[in-house]
Amino acid sequence: MSAVPLPAALPHAQPARSRVVPFTCVALFAVAVPVFGPQFVSMFRPPGYTDFAQEWLSARNYWAGDPVYLPQREGLLRRTGEDLPVVEVWMPWNAHPPVAVLLALPFGLTSDYFAAHLAWNLLTFPLMPLALALVARELNLRVPWWGALACAALVVAWNAVQYQLHQGQLNCLILFVLVLAWVADRRGFALGAGALAGLAAALKLFPALLLVYFVAGRKWRSAGALVLVAGALNLVALAAFGFAAFETYLRDVVPSLDVFRRAWRNLSLTGYFTRSGEALGAPQLGKRIALGARALVVLAVWVAARRARCARERDRAFALAVVAMVLASPIAWAHYFVLLSFPLVVAWAGAPRGAALGAPALASVALWFGEGFVPRLLVAPGEEVPTTDVQPVPTPLIAAFGLGPFTFALVALFAVLFARPAREGRA
């Protein structure tokens, strides 16, 4: 049979189509920078006190010889002369562990909170793009220049990133440490992987969930290093701050956070089921379901780590554990989504072509919006979104569906990573 000649125009179709993607990425960058760039830049030094005030005040208290866990209103009055009653609702205590205070001590050397906040963001935010570059390198993902522009546009416009900068939170640093732990794990540096995971767990408690990944995968040296490093860092904090700081943290600080479990913007499984249970008039049932759902998430991490037999499955199991940190945490705010940039890349890299891309695509789009987007659609015209964040949800419908999309997106991403990876991935 003789060959059928191809139309003359066909060879030009592929080059024409290949130019569409770079053009789209450049256009996305050209739109995102002027639209979102000014707000993004302003978040590096917000005009008022935000979450970083917790670390800064504790560090200032330390250098002044006061307890690091003074009530925040009292600490603010002593250090700045300002008396802000709203602080007792917003952040009555520094909610972060003593090791986070230890890290923040250099920033307490200045009496200018806003300069300290700016310095913190300038030092920690670059760790996020650096972490993503490490992920791309480890996964052998080829990112052309126009792809890098698109990624930059998405980062600048991402609500989670702007929220992270505004609050001066720990997520960029923790993301970087977790990615380093993953790189060490996949390269066989067991002690390094565990030590880095221990550092993350000492800064915030929820990264300790990686212990499940290590134990289930029979990575005993990594598990031991996690426990030892986290314990050693807390001993250093104990030597610096004394027993009273740990006593106050466990007795007063941790119980004070229970009120935020039902907060409108708590996007974890605990937040979702606690609100739903209260809206249905069955608060205890909601708490029990939340506890069961968290147990299932931990079990899924165990199963994924136990069945992992190759590097690709271990990558997905590690990324699954990172998503589980957010889902199973008693309290998870939208700035935690910065941590999800790593598992999102892993999910996209391993997703097959075609309709199966729908789940990670929908999860990515949903997690890009601000956590106040849905509540603003639910309130009556002229009403404001609740500012206390802890008032009761008015109806079961709002609790179950109105405040659920972000939690649903987390669950979808979790399911994508838990599923067995397809044979054909995307580069």
Protein backbone atom coordinates (compact mmCIF):
# COMPACT_ATOMS: atom_id res chain seq x y z
CA MET A 1 0.00 0.00 0.00
CA SER A 2 1.43 3.36 -0.98
CA ALA A 3 1.80 6.10 1.60
CA VAL A 4 -0.76 8.86 1.61
CA PRO A 5 0.93 12.26 1.37
CA LEU A 6 0.21 14.66 4.23
CA PRO A 7 -1.27 18.08 3.56
CA ALA A 8 1.29 20.78 3.17
CA ALA A 9 -0.17 22.83 6.04
CA LEU A 10 0.02 20.04 8.59
CA PRO A 11 3.72 20.36 9.43
CA HIS A 12 3.08 23.95 10.48
CA ALA A 13 0.22 23.05 12.86
CA GLN A 14 2.43 21.74 15.66
CA PRO A 15 4.76 24.76 15.76
CA ALA A 16 1.75 27.08 15.71
CA ARG A 17 0.15 25.20 18.58
CA SER A 18 3.44 25.08 20.51
CA ARG A 19 3.57 28.87 20.46
CA VAL A 20 0.19 29.18 22.17
CA VAL A 21 1.35 27.92 25.57
CA PRO A 22 4.38 30.25 25.89
CA PHE A 23 2.28 33.19 24.75
CA THR A 24 -0.42 32.33 27.30
CA CYS A 25 2.15 32.07 30.11
CA VAL A 26 3.72 35.41 29.21
CA ALA A 27 0.27 37.00 29.04
CA LEU A 28 -0.61 35.55 32.45
CA PHE A 29 2.55 37.05 33.94
CA ALA A 30 1.91 40.41 32.25
CA VAL A 31 -1.59 40.55 33.76
CA ALA A 32 -0.80 39.15 37.22
CA VAL A 33 2.12 41.43 38.03
CA PRO A 34 0.32 44.79 37.64
CA VAL A 35 -2.97 43.48 39.10
CA PHE A 36 -1.68 41.52 42.10
CA GLY A 37 1.91 42.76 42.36
CA PRO A 38 1.29 45.95 44.39
CA GLN A 39 -0.76 44.09 47.00
CA PHE A 40 1.81 41.28 47.07
CA VAL A 41 4.62 43.75 47.76
CA SER A 42 2.63 45.60 50.43
CA MET A 43 2.13 42.34 52.35
CA PHE A 44 5.84 42.18 53.16
CA ARG A 45 5.28 45.00 55.66
CA PRO A 46 1.61 45.18 56.69
CA PRO A 47 0.35 48.32 58.43
CA GLY A 48 -0.79 46.63 61.66
CA TYR A 49 0.07 43.87 64.10
CA THR A 50 -0.48 40.38 62.69
CA ASP A 51 0.50 36.85 63.66
CA PHE A 52 4.23 37.57 63.65
CA ALA A 53 3.58 39.85 66.61
CA GLN A 54 3.36 36.65 68.66
CA GLU A 55 7.00 35.71 68.00
CA TRP A 56 8.20 39.30 68.14
CA LEU A 57 6.53 40.03 71.49
CA SER A 58 7.80 36.79 73.02
CA ALA A 59 11.32 37.61 71.82
CA ARG A 60 11.04 41.17 73.15
CA ASN A 61 9.80 39.80 76.47
CA TYR A 62 12.81 37.51 76.64
CA TRP A 63 15.32 40.30 76.06
CA ALA A 64 13.49 42.44 78.65
CA GLY A 65 13.67 39.66 81.25
CA ASP A 66 9.92 38.93 81.23
CA PRO A 67 8.29 35.52 80.63
CA VAL A 68 8.13 34.73 76.94
CA TYR A 69 4.50 33.59 77.29
CA LEU A 70 3.02 36.71 78.79
CA PRO A 71 -0.60 37.34 77.78
CA GLN A 72 -0.32 39.15 74.46
CA ARG A 73 -2.27 42.23 75.55
CA GLU A 74 -0.01 42.67 78.56
CA GLY A 75 3.11 42.06 76.52
CA LEU A 76 2.06 44.58 73.89
CA LEU A 77 1.39 47.18 76.57
CA ARG A 78 4.78 46.63 78.21
CA ARG A 79 6.79 46.60 75.00
CA THR A 80 5.01 49.31 72.97
CA GLY A 81 2.81 51.24 75.40
CA GLU A 82 -0.28 50.37 73.32
CA ASP A 83 -3.32 48.80 74.97
CA LEU A 84 -5.41 46.92 72.40
CA PRO A 85 -8.34 45.01 73.96
CA VAL A 86 -9.04 43.27 70.64
CA VAL A 87 -5.82 41.30 71.13
CA GLU A 88 -7.56 39.25 73.81
CA VAL A 89 -9.94 37.96 71.12
CA TRP A 90 -7.52 37.83 68.22
CA MET A 91 -4.50 36.22 69.95
CA PRO A 92 -4.66 36.11 73.75
CA TRP A 93 -1.44 34.07 73.84
CA ASN A 94 1.45 33.29 71.55
CA ALA A 95 0.08 30.07 70.07
CA HIS A 96 3.41 28.80 68.74
CA PRO A 97 5.74 26.35 70.54
CA PRO A 98 8.83 27.48 72.46
CA VAL A 99 11.23 26.45 69.67
CA ALA A 100 9.49 28.94 67.34
CA VAL A 101 10.17 31.63 69.95
CA LEU A 102 13.80 30.51 70.08
CA LEU A 103 14.05 31.01 66.32
CA ALA A 104 12.55 34.51 66.58
CA LEU A 105 14.92 35.83 69.27
CA PRO A 106 17.10 37.84 66.83
CA PHE A 107 14.01 39.67 65.56
CA GLY A 108 13.21 40.79 69.09
CA LEU A 109 16.37 42.87 69.24
CA THR A 110 14.57 45.71 67.46
CA SER A 111 11.75 47.68 69.05
CA ASP A 112 10.27 48.35 65.59
CA TYR A 113 7.75 45.55 64.98
CA PHE A 114 7.18 46.51 61.35
CA ALA A 115 10.90 46.39 60.55
CA ALA A 116 11.10 42.98 62.22
CA HIS A 117 8.12 41.72 60.21
CA LEU A 118 9.69 42.96 56.97
CA ALA A 119 13.02 41.33 57.81
CA TRP A 120 11.28 38.04 58.59
CA ASN A 121 9.46 38.01 55.25
CA LEU A 122 12.55 39.00 53.27
CA LEU A 123 14.49 36.14 54.84
CA THR A 124 11.85 33.39 54.72
CA PHE A 125 9.76 34.01 51.59
CA PRO A 126 12.62 33.21 49.13
CA LEU A 127 12.69 29.74 50.69
CA MET A 128 9.38 28.95 48.98
CA PRO A 129 10.55 29.35 45.34
CA LEU A 130 13.83 27.70 46.31
CA ALA A 131 11.90 24.71 47.70
CA LEU A 132 9.82 24.44 44.52
CA ALA A 133 12.96 24.61 42.39
CA LEU A 134 14.38 21.70 44.42
CA VAL A 135 11.17 19.72 43.86
CA ALA A 136 11.32 20.32 40.10
CA ARG A 137 14.98 19.29 40.01
CA GLU A 138 14.38 16.10 41.98
CA LEU A 139 11.44 15.10 39.78
CA ASN A 140 13.36 15.95 36.60
CA LEU A 141 10.70 18.44 35.56
CA ARG A 142 11.88 20.67 32.74
CA VAL A 143 10.55 24.17 33.34
CA PRO A 144 11.16 26.55 30.39
CA TRP A 145 11.49 30.26 30.94
CA TRP A 146 7.86 30.92 30.08
CA GLY A 147 6.80 28.20 32.51
CA ALA A 148 8.81 29.94 35.23
CA LEU A 149 6.97 33.18 34.43
CA ALA A 150 3.61 31.42 34.78
CA CYS A 151 4.65 29.93 38.12
CA ALA A 152 5.77 33.35 39.34
CA ALA A 153 2.43 34.85 38.30
CA LEU A 154 0.50 32.18 40.19
CA VAL A 155 2.61 32.62 43.31
CA VAL A 156 2.20 36.41 43.31
CA ALA A 157 -1.57 36.11 42.86
CA TRP A 158 -2.08 33.18 45.26
CA ASN A 159 -4.13 34.16 48.29
CA ALA A 160 -2.24 31.70 50.51
CA VAL A 161 1.08 33.37 49.72
CA GLN A 162 -0.23 36.87 50.33
CA TYR A 163 -1.89 35.68 53.55
CA GLN A 164 1.39 34.06 54.63
CA LEU A 165 3.30 37.30 54.06
CA HIS A 166 0.65 39.40 55.77
CA GLN A 167 0.69 37.19 58.85
CA GLY A 168 4.46 36.62 58.86
CA GLN A 169 3.87 32.93 59.45
CA LEU A 170 6.29 29.98 59.51
CA ASN A 171 5.02 28.16 56.42
CA CYS A 172 7.73 29.15 53.91
CA LEU A 173 10.41 28.00 56.32
CA ILE A 174 8.59 24.77 57.17
CA LEU A 175 7.96 24.06 53.46
CA PHE A 176 11.68 24.42 52.75
CA VAL A 177 12.63 22.15 55.65
CA LEU A 178 10.07 19.51 54.60
CA VAL A 179 11.30 19.55 51.00
CA LEU A 180 14.88 19.12 52.23
CA ALA A 181 13.69 16.18 54.36
CA TRP A 182 12.01 14.66 51.30
CA VAL A 183 15.14 15.10 49.18
CA ALA A 184 17.22 13.46 51.91
CA ASP A 185 14.71 10.63 52.21
CA ARG A 186 14.62 9.83 48.49
CA ARG A 187 18.44 9.95 48.29
CA GLY A 188 18.85 7.55 51.19
CA PHE A 189 20.12 9.98 53.85
CA ALA A 190 17.95 8.54 56.61
CA LEU A 191 19.39 10.50 59.53
CA GLY A 192 19.26 13.77 57.62
CA ALA A 193 15.64 13.20 56.60
CA GLY A 194 14.63 12.46 60.18
CA ALA A 195 16.61 15.37 61.61
CA LEU A 196 15.02 17.85 59.21
CA ALA A 197 11.56 16.45 59.94
CA GLY A 198 12.34 16.83 63.64
CA LEU A 199 13.21 20.50 63.09
CA ALA A 200 9.88 21.08 61.35
CA ALA A 201 8.02 19.26 64.13
CA ALA A 202 9.72 21.40 66.77
CA LEU A 203 8.69 24.63 65.02
CA LYS A 204 5.04 23.54 64.63
CA LEU A 205 3.57 20.36 66.05
CA PHE A 206 1.74 19.02 62.98
CA PRO A 207 4.87 18.01 60.93
CA ALA A 208 5.37 15.31 63.57
CA LEU A 209 2.90 13.31 61.44
CA LEU A 210 5.93 12.38 59.32
CA LEU A 211 6.74 9.97 62.11
CA VAL A 212 3.88 7.81 60.77
CA TYR A 213 5.44 7.88 57.30
CA PHE A 214 8.85 6.83 58.64
CA VAL A 215 7.60 4.08 60.96
CA ALA A 216 5.21 2.63 58.38
CA GLY A 217 8.02 2.58 55.83
CA ARG A 218 10.32 0.89 58.37
CA LYS A 219 12.68 3.86 58.25
CA TRP A 220 13.77 3.41 61.85
CA ARG A 221 16.81 5.69 61.76
CA SER A 222 14.72 8.51 60.30
CA ALA A 223 12.04 8.01 62.93
CA GLY A 224 14.61 8.02 65.70
CA ALA A 225 16.32 11.13 64.36
CA LEU A 226 12.97 12.94 64.19
CA VAL A 227 12.25 12.23 67.85
CA LEU A 228 15.78 13.02 69.01
CA VAL A 229 16.14 16.31 67.13
CA ALA A 230 12.67 17.55 68.12
CA GLY A 231 13.43 16.63 71.73
CA ALA A 232 16.89 18.22 71.66
CA LEU A 233 15.55 21.51 70.29
CA ASN A 234 12.92 21.62 73.00
CA LEU A 235 15.64 21.01 75.59
CA VAL A 236 17.52 24.01 74.21
CA ALA A 237 14.33 26.08 74.51
CA LEU A 238 13.84 24.74 78.03
CA ALA A 239 17.34 25.85 78.98
CA ALA A 240 16.72 29.30 77.48
CA PHE A 241 13.21 29.97 78.80
CA GLY A 242 12.86 27.76 81.86
CA PHE A 243 10.17 25.33 83.03
CA ALA A 244 7.65 28.13 83.58
CA ALA A 245 7.44 28.84 79.83
CA PHE A 246 6.60 25.22 79.02
CA GLU A 247 4.14 25.06 81.93
CA THR A 248 2.33 28.16 80.70
CA TYR A 249 2.32 26.85 77.12
CA LEU A 250 0.76 23.52 78.09
CA ARG A 251 -1.56 24.82 80.82
CA ASP A 252 -2.81 28.08 79.31
CA VAL A 253 -1.84 28.45 75.65
CA VAL A 254 -2.87 25.07 74.22
CA PRO A 255 -6.35 25.01 75.88
CA SER A 256 -7.01 28.59 74.73
CA LEU A 257 -6.85 27.43 71.11
CA ASP A 258 -9.91 25.17 71.43
CA VAL A 259 -12.21 28.06 70.56
CA PHE A 260 -10.71 28.19 67.06
CA ARG A 261 -11.62 24.57 66.28
CA ARG A 262 -15.07 25.76 65.21
CA ALA A 263 -13.84 28.92 63.49
CA TRP A 264 -15.37 29.74 60.10
CA ARG A 265 -11.92 29.83 58.53
CA ASN A 266 -10.60 26.65 60.12
CA LEU A 267 -10.26 24.53 56.99
CA SER A 268 -9.21 21.25 58.60
CA LEU A 269 -11.45 18.23 59.09
CA THR A 270 -11.86 19.26 62.71
CA GLY A 271 -13.15 22.67 61.69
CA TYR A 272 -15.54 21.27 59.09
CA PHE A 273 -17.16 18.58 61.24
CA THR A 274 -17.20 20.70 64.42
CA ARG A 275 -19.12 23.48 62.66
CA SER A 276 -21.46 21.00 60.97
CA GLY A 277 -22.19 19.20 64.24
CA GLU A 278 -22.99 22.44 66.03
CA ALA A 279 -25.20 23.65 63.17
CA LEU A 280 -27.15 20.35 63.38
CA GLY A 281 -27.52 20.65 67.14
CA ALA A 282 -25.20 17.69 67.76
CA PRO A 283 -21.83 19.19 68.74
CA GLN A 284 -20.52 16.01 70.39
CA LEU A 285 -21.36 13.97 67.29
CA GLY A 286 -19.46 16.44 65.12
CA LYS A 287 -16.40 16.18 67.37
CA ARG A 288 -16.51 12.37 67.26
CA ILE A 289 -16.79 12.32 63.48
CA ALA A 290 -13.89 14.77 63.24
CA LEU A 291 -11.78 12.51 65.43
CA GLY A 292 -12.66 9.49 63.29
CA ALA A 293 -11.91 11.37 60.07
CA ARG A 294 -8.51 12.42 61.38
CA ALA A 295 -7.77 8.81 62.33
CA LEU A 296 -8.64 7.70 58.79
CA VAL A 297 -6.27 10.28 57.35
CA VAL A 298 -3.42 9.02 59.53
CA LEU A 299 -4.29 5.43 58.59
CA ALA A 300 -4.17 6.34 54.89
CA VAL A 301 -0.67 7.79 55.35
CA TRP A 302 0.35 4.55 57.07
CA VAL A 303 -1.06 2.43 54.23
CA ALA A 304 0.55 4.57 51.51
CA ALA A 305 3.97 4.47 53.20
CA ARG A 306 3.71 0.74 53.90
CA ARG A 307 2.84 -0.21 50.31
CA ALA A 308 5.39 2.12 48.65
CA ARG A 309 7.88 0.01 46.71
CA CYS A 310 9.52 2.47 44.32
CA ALA A 311 10.74 6.06 44.40
CA ARG A 312 7.59 7.34 42.72
CA GLU A 313 5.30 5.73 45.29
CA ARG A 314 7.46 6.99 48.14
CA ASP A 315 7.29 10.51 46.70
CA ARG A 316 3.51 10.35 46.70
CA ALA A 317 3.39 8.89 50.20
CA PHE A 318 5.60 11.69 51.55
CA ALA A 319 3.49 14.31 49.75
CA LEU A 320 0.37 12.62 51.10
CA ALA A 321 1.74 13.06 54.63
CA VAL A 322 2.14 16.81 54.00
CA VAL A 323 -1.50 17.12 52.92
CA ALA A 324 -2.46 15.04 55.95
CA MET A 325 -0.73 17.58 58.20
CA VAL A 326 -3.24 20.20 57.09
CA LEU A 327 -6.29 17.93 57.08
CA ALA A 328 -5.62 16.31 60.45
CA SER A 329 -4.41 19.42 62.26
CA PRO A 330 -6.96 20.65 64.83
CA ILE A 331 -6.67 24.13 63.29
CA ALA A 332 -5.61 24.94 59.72
CA TRP A 333 -5.77 28.41 58.19
CA ALA A 334 -5.51 29.26 54.49
CA HIS A 335 -1.87 30.30 54.80
CA TYR A 336 -1.12 26.61 55.49
CA PHE A 337 -1.82 26.08 51.79
CA VAL A 338 1.71 27.31 51.08
CA LEU A 339 2.80 23.89 52.32
CA LEU A 340 0.60 22.30 49.65
CA SER A 341 2.67 23.71 46.79
CA PHE A 342 4.97 20.69 47.18
CA PRO A 343 2.27 17.95 47.06
CA LEU A 344 0.50 19.84 44.27
CA VAL A 345 3.62 19.60 42.10
CA VAL A 346 3.95 15.89 42.94
CA ALA A 347 0.27 15.31 42.08
CA TRP A 348 0.54 17.12 38.73
CA ALA A 349 3.81 15.39 37.84
CA GLY A 350 2.29 11.96 38.38
CA ALA A 351 -1.16 12.61 36.91
CA PRO A 352 -1.98 10.86 33.63
CA ARG A 353 -3.10 12.80 30.60
CA GLY A 354 -6.78 13.27 29.90
CA ALA A 355 -9.76 13.39 32.20
CA ALA A 356 -7.76 12.12 35.19
CA LEU A 357 -6.16 15.58 35.38
CA GLY A 358 -9.51 16.95 36.51
CA ALA A 359 -9.09 16.18 40.21
CA PRO A 360 -5.71 17.90 40.73
CA ALA A 361 -6.84 20.74 38.46
CA LEU A 362 -10.01 21.40 40.45
CA ALA A 363 -8.15 21.11 43.74
CA SER A 364 -5.53 23.59 42.53
CA VAL A 365 -8.15 26.12 41.42
CA ALA A 366 -10.15 25.82 44.65
CA LEU A 367 -7.08 26.22 46.85
CA TRP A 368 -6.07 29.36 44.94
CA PHE A 369 -9.07 31.41 46.17
CA GLY A 370 -9.19 33.30 49.46
CA GLU A 371 -10.81 31.60 52.42
CA GLY A 372 -13.25 34.52 52.73
CA PHE A 373 -14.54 34.05 49.17
CA VAL A 374 -17.36 31.63 49.97
CA PRO A 375 -18.48 33.29 53.25
CA ARG A 376 -18.87 36.57 51.39
CA LEU A 377 -21.25 34.84 48.99
CA LEU A 378 -23.34 33.50 51.87
CA VAL A 379 -24.05 36.60 53.93
CA ALA A 380 -27.07 38.73 53.14
CA PRO A 381 -26.55 41.92 51.09
CA GLY A 382 -25.16 44.64 53.31
CA GLU A 383 -23.93 42.24 55.99
CA GLU A 384 -20.26 41.71 56.74
CA VAL A 385 -18.35 38.47 57.00
CA PRO A 386 -17.97 37.67 60.73
CA THR A 387 -14.77 39.21 62.04
CA THR A 388 -14.61 37.23 65.28
CA ASP A 389 -14.39 34.03 63.23
CA VAL A 390 -15.92 31.99 66.05
CA GLN A 391 -19.60 32.91 66.01
CA PRO A 392 -22.07 30.06 65.35
CA VAL A 393 -22.77 29.05 61.76
CA PRO A 394 -26.40 30.01 61.05
CA THR A 395 -27.63 26.95 59.11
CA PRO A 396 -26.54 23.34 58.46
CA LEU A 397 -26.51 24.09 54.72
CA ILE A 398 -23.91 26.82 55.14
CA ALA A 399 -21.88 24.64 57.51
CA ALA A 400 -21.94 21.55 55.27
CA PHE A 401 -21.58 23.14 51.84
CA GLY A 402 -21.00 26.88 52.13
CA LEU A 403 -17.88 26.57 54.27
CA GLY A 404 -16.77 23.25 52.86
CA PRO A 405 -15.21 23.84 49.40
CA PHE A 406 -11.67 24.33 50.67
CA THR A 407 -11.85 21.25 52.87
CA PHE A 408 -13.30 19.33 49.92
CA ALA A 409 -10.36 20.48 47.79
CA LEU A 410 -7.94 19.23 50.43
CA VAL A 411 -9.68 15.87 50.48
CA ALA A 412 -9.58 15.70 46.66
CA LEU A 413 -5.83 16.36 46.63
CA PHE A 414 -5.39 13.78 49.37
CA ALA A 415 -7.35 11.20 47.33
CA VAL A 416 -5.30 11.91 44.18
CA LEU A 417 -2.05 11.26 46.04
CA PHE A 418 -3.38 8.20 47.85
CA ALA A 419 -4.47 6.52 44.61
CA ARG A 420 -1.94 4.32 42.88
CA PRO A 421 0.15 6.40 40.45
CA ALA A 422 -0.64 5.96 36.78
CA ARG A 423 1.94 4.52 34.46
CA GLU A 424 2.22 7.63 32.35
CA GLY A 425 3.10 10.88 34.10
CA ARG A 426 3.40 14.45 32.91
CA ALA A 427 6.66 16.31 32.57
